[in-house]
């Protein structure tokens, strides 16, 4: 039940972050992408998703929450971590992401 509660809370946070980001983006004037730019952007998104899927779930959650704009305190409370350890865990997750990305796609 504890795990289900955490997952529900994470889903609510992600939903809130997406809604906020979408509202902010809807107010901005979008730049038109060429078909080539759109294709490259889609490929990069797919690569990032594949690398995140290859990481362990805690590392992926850390990266997603932090890069969604949450502070260390918010990440710590969402994942039930000590705030002091978030930086270290996040750094390790970034290193694991970088290593997996380079292994799969090389340095770009």
Protein backbone atom coordinates (compact mmCIF):
# COMPACT_ATOMS: atom_id res chain seq x y z
CA UNK A 1 0.00 0.00 0.00
CA UNK A 2 2.93 2.32 0.78
CA UNK A 3 4.33 1.84 -2.73
CA UNK A 4 0.93 2.54 -4.28
CA UNK A 5 0.66 5.76 -2.29
CA UNK A 6 4.09 6.87 -3.49
CA UNK A 7 3.23 6.09 -7.10
CA UNK A 8 -0.05 7.99 -6.82
CA UNK A 9 1.75 11.00 -5.34
CA UNK A 10 4.38 10.89 -8.10
CA UNK A 11 1.68 10.71 -10.75
CA UNK A 12 -0.06 13.73 -9.22
CA UNK A 13 3.21 15.67 -9.17
CA UNK A 14 3.94 14.78 -12.78
CA UNK A 15 0.39 15.73 -13.83
CA UNK A 16 0.74 19.09 -12.08
CA UNK A 17 4.15 19.72 -13.65
CA UNK A 18 2.87 18.84 -17.12
CA UNK A 19 -0.15 21.09 -16.72
CA UNK A 20 2.00 23.99 -15.55
CA UNK A 21 4.50 23.48 -18.34
CA UNK A 22 1.75 23.17 -20.96
CA UNK A 23 0.11 26.37 -19.75
CA UNK A 24 3.43 28.17 -19.90
CA UNK A 25 4.18 26.83 -23.38
CA UNK A 26 0.73 27.68 -24.69
CA UNK A 27 1.41 31.32 -23.89
CA UNK A 28 4.63 31.29 -25.90
CA UNK A 29 4.63 31.67 -29.65
CA UNK A 30 5.87 28.37 -31.03
CA UNK A 31 8.63 28.43 -33.61
CA UNK A 32 7.85 26.43 -36.71
CA UNK A 33 10.10 23.40 -37.07
CA UNK A 34 11.19 22.08 -40.39
CA UNK A 35 10.37 18.43 -41.01
CA UNK A 36 14.05 17.57 -40.51
CA UNK A 37 14.21 19.41 -37.17
CA UNK A 38 11.01 17.72 -36.01
CA UNK A 39 12.42 14.31 -36.96
CA UNK A 40 15.70 14.95 -35.12
CA UNK A 41 13.82 16.17 -32.04
CA UNK A 42 11.61 13.07 -32.07
CA UNK A 43 14.64 10.78 -32.39
CA UNK A 44 16.34 12.47 -29.43
CA UNK A 45 13.19 12.08 -27.33
CA UNK A 46 13.03 8.39 -28.18
CA UNK A 47 16.71 7.97 -27.29
CA UNK A 48 16.23 9.69 -23.93
CA UNK A 49 13.18 7.55 -23.18
CA UNK A 50 15.10 4.38 -24.03
CA UNK A 51 18.00 5.36 -21.77
CA UNK A 52 15.64 6.27 -18.91
CA UNK A 53 13.94 2.89 -19.30
CA UNK A 54 17.33 1.17 -19.02
CA UNK A 55 18.17 2.89 -15.71
CA UNK A 56 16.86 1.59 -12.42
CA UNK A 57 13.52 3.12 -11.51
CA UNK A 58 14.83 5.26 -8.65
CA UNK A 59 17.45 6.92 -10.85
CA UNK A 60 14.91 7.55 -13.59
CA UNK A 61 12.44 9.03 -11.10
CA UNK A 62 15.14 11.30 -9.66
CA UNK A 63 16.09 12.60 -13.08
CA UNK A 64 12.50 13.09 -14.21
CA UNK A 65 11.43 14.92 -11.09
CA UNK A 66 14.49 17.17 -10.91
CA UNK A 67 14.42 18.04 -14.61
CA UNK A 68 10.70 18.75 -14.34
CA UNK A 69 11.58 21.71 -12.17
CA UNK A 70 11.23 20.31 -8.66
CA UNK A 71 13.61 21.49 -5.96
CA UNK A 72 15.76 19.11 -3.93
CA UNK A 73 13.28 19.41 -1.05
CA UNK A 74 10.36 18.51 -3.31
CA UNK A 75 12.24 15.59 -4.85
CA UNK A 76 13.21 14.35 -1.38
CA UNK A 77 9.64 14.47 -0.11
CA UNK A 78 8.21 12.89 -3.27
CA UNK A 79 10.59 9.93 -3.09
CA UNK A 80 10.88 9.70 0.69
CA UNK A 81 14.59 10.53 0.69
CA UNK A 82 16.78 12.57 3.00
CA UNK A 83 17.19 16.02 1.44
CA UNK A 84 20.95 15.88 2.04
CA UNK A 85 21.31 12.76 -0.11
CA UNK A 86 19.36 14.04 -3.12
CA UNK A 87 22.37 15.80 -4.64
CA UNK A 88 24.57 12.72 -4.43
CA UNK A 89 21.88 10.40 -5.75
CA UNK A 90 21.07 12.82 -8.54
CA UNK A 91 24.73 13.07 -9.53
CA UNK A 92 24.99 9.28 -9.67
CA UNK A 93 21.81 9.09 -11.73
CA UNK A 94 23.18 11.67 -14.18
CA UNK A 95 26.42 9.73 -14.50
CA UNK A 96 24.51 6.49 -15.10
CA UNK A 97 22.35 8.23 -17.71
CA UNK A 98 25.40 9.70 -19.46
CA UNK A 99 27.21 6.34 -19.46
CA UNK A 100 24.16 4.47 -20.83
CA UNK A 101 23.54 7.14 -23.48
CA UNK A 102 27.14 7.00 -24.69
CA UNK A 103 27.10 3.20 -24.72
CA UNK A 104 23.98 3.18 -26.87
CA UNK A 105 24.42 6.19 -29.14
CA UNK A 106 28.01 7.41 -28.78
CA UNK A 107 29.03 10.93 -27.91
CA UNK A 108 27.10 13.56 -29.80
